[in-house]
C-alpha atoms as a PDB file:
ATOM      1  CA  MET A   1      -4.906  -9.522  29.165  1.00  0.00           C
ATOM      2  CA  GLY A   2      -6.246  -9.610  32.712  1.00  0.00           C
ATOM      3  CA  ASP A   3      -8.644  -7.811  34.940  1.00  0.00           C
ATOM      4  CA  ILE A   4      -6.349  -7.327  37.962  1.00  0.00           C
ATOM      5  CA  ILE A   5      -3.844  -4.465  37.918  1.00  0.00           C
ATOM      6  CA  LYS A   6      -1.067  -4.540  40.489  1.00  0.00           C
ATOM      7  CA  THR A   7       1.905  -2.262  41.029  1.00  0.00           C
ATOM      8  CA  ALA A   8       5.288  -3.672  41.957  1.00  0.00           C
ATOM      9  CA  GLN A   9       8.884  -2.553  41.797  1.00  0.00           C
ATOM     10  CA  CYS A  10      11.889  -3.943  39.975  1.00  0.00           C
ATOM     11  CA  ARG A  11      14.083  -5.654  42.542  1.00  0.00           C
ATOM     12  CA  PHE A  12      17.199  -4.060  41.071  1.00  0.00           C
ATOM     13  CA  CYS A  13      16.402  -0.387  40.378  1.00  0.00           C
ATOM     14  CA  GLY A  14      13.144   0.095  42.303  1.00  0.00           C
ATOM     15  CA  GLN A  15      11.251   1.337  39.236  1.00  0.00           C
ATOM     16  CA  MET A  16       7.503   0.923  39.794  1.00  0.00           C
ATOM     17  CA  VAL A  17       5.768  -1.161  37.115  1.00  0.00           C
ATOM     18  CA  GLN A  18       2.061  -1.802  36.597  1.00  0.00           C
ATOM     19  CA  ILE A  19       1.271  -5.453  36.000  1.00  0.00           C
ATOM     20  CA  GLU A  20      -1.928  -6.648  34.372  1.00  0.00           C
ATOM     21  CA  THR A  21      -2.853 -10.191  35.345  1.00  0.00           C
ATOM     22  CA  ASP A  22      -5.837 -12.501  35.459  1.00  0.00           C
ATOM     23  CA  LYS A  23      -4.898 -14.019  38.816  1.00  0.00           C
ATOM     24  CA  GLU A  24      -3.934 -12.641  42.212  1.00  0.00           C
ATOM     25  CA  LEU A  25      -0.165 -12.434  42.690  1.00  0.00           C
ATOM     26  CA  THR A  26       1.836 -12.515  45.902  1.00  0.00           C
ATOM     27  CA  GLN A  27       4.240  -9.618  46.421  1.00  0.00           C
ATOM     28  CA  PRO A  28       7.328 -11.717  45.424  1.00  0.00           C
ATOM     29  CA  GLN A  29       5.524 -12.918  42.262  1.00  0.00           C
ATOM     30  CA  ALA A  30       4.586  -9.333  41.391  1.00  0.00           C
ATOM     31  CA  GLU A  31       8.189  -8.176  41.962  1.00  0.00           C
ATOM     32  CA  GLU A  32       9.439 -11.004  39.738  1.00  0.00           C
ATOM     33  CA  GLN A  33       7.096  -9.924  36.934  1.00  0.00           C
ATOM     34  CA  ALA A  34       8.105  -6.277  37.392  1.00  0.00           C
ATOM     35  CA  THR A  35      11.779  -7.287  37.200  1.00  0.00           C
ATOM     36  CA  MET A  36      11.102  -9.370  34.085  1.00  0.00           C
ATOM     37  CA  THR A  37       9.583  -6.339  32.320  1.00  0.00           C
ATOM     38  CA  CYS A  38      12.013  -3.654  33.543  1.00  0.00           C
ATOM     39  CA  ASN A  39      14.746  -2.488  31.187  1.00  0.00           C
ATOM     40  CA  CYS A  40      17.417  -1.420  33.685  1.00  0.00           C
ATOM     41  CA  THR A  41      20.835  -2.997  33.081  1.00  0.00           C
ATOM     42  CA  GLU A  42      20.649  -5.424  36.023  1.00  0.00           C
ATOM     43  CA  ALA A  43      17.100  -6.545  35.175  1.00  0.00           C
ATOM     44  CA  VAL A  44      18.007  -7.162  31.527  1.00  0.00           C
ATOM     45  CA  GLU A  45      21.007  -9.283  32.626  1.00  0.00           C
ATOM     46  CA  TYR A  46      18.758 -11.172  35.062  1.00  0.00           C
ATOM     47  CA  GLN A  47      16.231 -11.791  32.250  1.00  0.00           C
ATOM     48  CA  LYS A  48      18.983 -13.184  29.997  1.00  0.00           C
ATOM     49  CA  GLU A  49      20.279 -15.474  32.766  1.00  0.00           C
ATOM     50  CA  LYS A  50      16.788 -16.751  33.497  1.00  0.00           C
ATOM     51  CA  GLN A  51      16.165 -17.427  29.786  1.00  0.00           C
ATOM     52  CA  ARG A  52      19.459 -19.343  29.593  1.00  0.00           C
ATOM     53  CA  LYS A  53      18.395 -21.503  32.518  1.00  0.00           C
ATOM     54  CA  GLU A  54      14.935 -22.155  31.021  1.00  0.00           C
ATOM     55  CA  LYS A  55      16.516 -23.078  27.663  1.00  0.00           C
ATOM     56  CA  ALA A  56      18.905 -25.499  29.400  1.00  0.00           C
ATOM     57  CA  MET A  57      15.968 -27.102  31.271  1.00  0.00           C
ATOM     58  CA  MET A  58      14.136 -27.540  27.944  1.00  0.00           C
ATOM     59  CA  ASN A  59      17.291 -29.080  26.436  1.00  0.00           C
ATOM     60  CA  VAL A  60      17.497 -31.590  29.321  1.00  0.00           C
ATOM     61  CA  SER A  61      13.888 -32.520  28.622  1.00  0.00           C
ATOM     62  CA  ALA A  62      14.509 -32.781  24.853  1.00  0.00           C
ATOM     63  CA  LEU A  63      17.658 -34.908  25.165  1.00  0.00           C
ATOM     64  CA  PHE A  64      16.883 -37.065  28.204  1.00  0.00           C
ATOM     65  CA  GLY A  65      13.365 -36.407  29.515  1.00  0.00           C
ATOM     66  CA  GLU A  66       9.744 -36.515  28.431  1.00  0.00           C
ATOM     67  CA  ASN A  67      10.390 -34.640  25.160  1.00  0.00           C
ATOM     68  CA  ALA A  68      13.132 -37.021  24.012  1.00  0.00           C
ATOM     69  CA  ALA A  69      12.515 -39.866  21.597  1.00  0.00           C
ATOM     70  CA  PRO A  70      11.089 -42.878  23.484  1.00  0.00           C
ATOM     71  CA  ASP A  71      14.301 -44.921  23.069  1.00  0.00           C
ATOM     72  CA  LYS A  72      16.417 -41.982  24.326  1.00  0.00           C
ATOM     73  CA  ARG A  73      14.487 -41.236  27.531  1.00  0.00           C
ATOM     74  CA  CYS A  74      16.122 -41.703  30.896  1.00  0.00           C
ATOM     75  CA  GLY A  75      14.511 -42.424  34.230  1.00  0.00           C
ATOM     76  CA  GLU A  76      12.904 -39.617  36.195  1.00  0.00           C
ATOM     77  CA  GLY A  77      15.660 -39.769  38.830  1.00  0.00           C
ATOM     78  CA  ILE A  78      18.388 -39.124  36.256  1.00  0.00           C
ATOM     79  CA  VAL A  79      16.404 -36.279  34.661  1.00  0.00           C
ATOM     80  CA  ASN A  80      15.960 -34.737  38.127  1.00  0.00           C
ATOM     81  CA  ILE A  81      19.733 -34.952  38.736  1.00  0.00           C
ATOM     82  CA  LEU A  82      20.377 -33.224  35.397  1.00  0.00           C
ATOM     83  CA  LYS A  83      17.837 -30.486  36.173  1.00  0.00           C
ATOM     84  CA  ALA A  84      19.418 -30.002  39.605  1.00  0.00           C
ATOM     85  CA  ALA A  85      22.809 -29.685  37.870  1.00  0.00           C
ATOM     86  CA  VAL A  86      21.409 -26.959  35.589  1.00  0.00           C
ATOM     87  CA  GLU A  87      20.114 -25.141  38.683  1.00  0.00           C
ATOM     88  CA  GLU A  88      23.510 -25.385  40.426  1.00  0.00           C
ATOM     89  CA  ILE A  89      25.377 -24.153  37.351  1.00  0.00           C
ATOM     90  CA  TYR A  90      22.857 -21.291  37.033  1.00  0.00           C
ATOM     91  CA  THR A  91      23.396 -20.233  40.658  1.00  0.00           C
ATOM     92  CA  GLY A  92      27.182 -20.583  40.359  1.00  0.00           C
ATOM     93  CA  GLY A  93      27.680 -23.610  42.597  1.00  0.00           C
ATOM     94  CA  LEU A  94      29.015 -25.855  39.825  1.00  0.00           C
ATOM     95  CA  ALA A  95      31.056 -25.316  36.668  1.00  0.00           C
ATOM     96  CA  LYS A  96      30.457 -28.634  34.892  1.00  0.00           C
ATOM     97  CA  VAL A  97      28.714 -31.958  35.490  1.00  0.00           C
ATOM     98  CA  THR A  98      29.202 -35.162  33.522  1.00  0.00           C
ATOM     99  CA  LEU A  99      27.156 -38.295  34.170  1.00  0.00           C
ATOM    100  CA  ASN A 100      28.110 -41.657  32.712  1.00  0.00           C
ATOM    101  CA  LEU A 101      24.837 -43.473  32.087  1.00  0.00           C
ATOM    102  CA  ARG A 102      24.343 -47.106  31.189  1.00  0.00           C
ATOM    103  CA  GLY A 103      24.554 -48.102  27.545  1.00  0.00           C
ATOM    104  CA  GLY A 104      27.508 -45.877  26.651  1.00  0.00           C
ATOM    105  CA  VAL A 105      25.580 -42.627  27.118  1.00  0.00           C
ATOM    106  CA  LYS A 106      27.167 -39.535  28.650  1.00  0.00           C
ATOM    107  CA  ALA A 107      25.267 -36.477  29.833  1.00  0.00           C
ATOM    108  CA  SER A 108      27.313 -33.304  30.160  1.00  0.00           C
ATOM    109  CA  ILE A 109      26.164 -29.908  31.406  1.00  0.00           C
ATOM    110  CA  SER A 110      28.492 -26.911  31.499  1.00  0.00           C
ATOM    111  CA  GLN A 111      28.584 -23.144  31.166  1.00  0.00           C
ATOM    112  CA  ASN A 112      30.615 -21.472  28.431  1.00  0.00           C
ATOM    113  CA  ALA A 113      32.445 -18.141  28.584  1.00  0.00           C
ATOM    114  CA  LYS A 114      29.362 -16.282  27.286  1.00  0.00           C
ATOM    115  CA  GLY A 115      27.309 -17.623  30.198  1.00  0.00           C
ATOM    116  CA  GLU A 116      25.226 -20.048  28.122  1.00  0.00           C
ATOM    117  CA  ILE A 117      24.439 -23.391  29.749  1.00  0.00           C
ATOM    118  CA  ASN A 118      25.228 -26.244  27.368  1.00  0.00           C
ATOM    119  CA  VAL A 119      23.492 -29.613  27.640  1.00  0.00           C
ATOM    120  CA  GLU A 120      25.066 -32.438  25.635  1.00  0.00           C
ATOM    121  CA  ARG A 121      24.273 -36.091  25.047  1.00  0.00           C
ATOM    122  CA  THR A 122      27.073 -38.333  23.773  1.00  0.00           C
ATOM    123  CA  GLU A 123      26.510 -41.940  22.788  1.00  0.00           C
ATOM    124  CA  THR A 124      29.375 -44.313  22.120  1.00  0.00           C
ATOM    125  CA  LYS A 125      28.844 -47.708  20.576  1.00  0.00           C
ATOM    126  CA  LYS A 126      31.512 -50.317  21.109  1.00  0.00           C
ATOM    127  CA  GLN A 127      31.906 -53.169  18.673  1.00  0.00           C
ATOM    128  CA  LYS A 128      33.735 -56.304  19.550  1.00  0.00           C
ATOM    129  CA  LEU A 129      34.728 -58.827  16.958  1.00  0.00           C
ATOM    130  CA  THR A 130      34.817 -62.440  17.990  1.00  0.00           C
ATOM    131  CA  GLU A 131      37.104 -64.881  16.251  1.00  0.00           C
END
């Protein structure tokens, strides 16, 4: 993989892990990689949480951001608010966020009982009949 070998410890159990990389890592970056490869209980839970957050960020991008269909994309400011909401739910600051966007679109981000972060897009179309 790489030509630089660095040793770092898991931030939870202290287990020393050798990391092969092709670029120089700072000590916090090396510890993060060591934690992401460790199989102690706390590290595995941390890895799952981090994957949940990354999946939620990708879902925001797919439903509202640059990976959404062109007619479904929202402005960068709204996408940034949604990504900030994912971050706050991940860190435990928020339980649920719902944004009412223009055009009858709702963005909802919440965490379920299993710890998964759900990102939802709801569109409502109103029809009005004129006489």
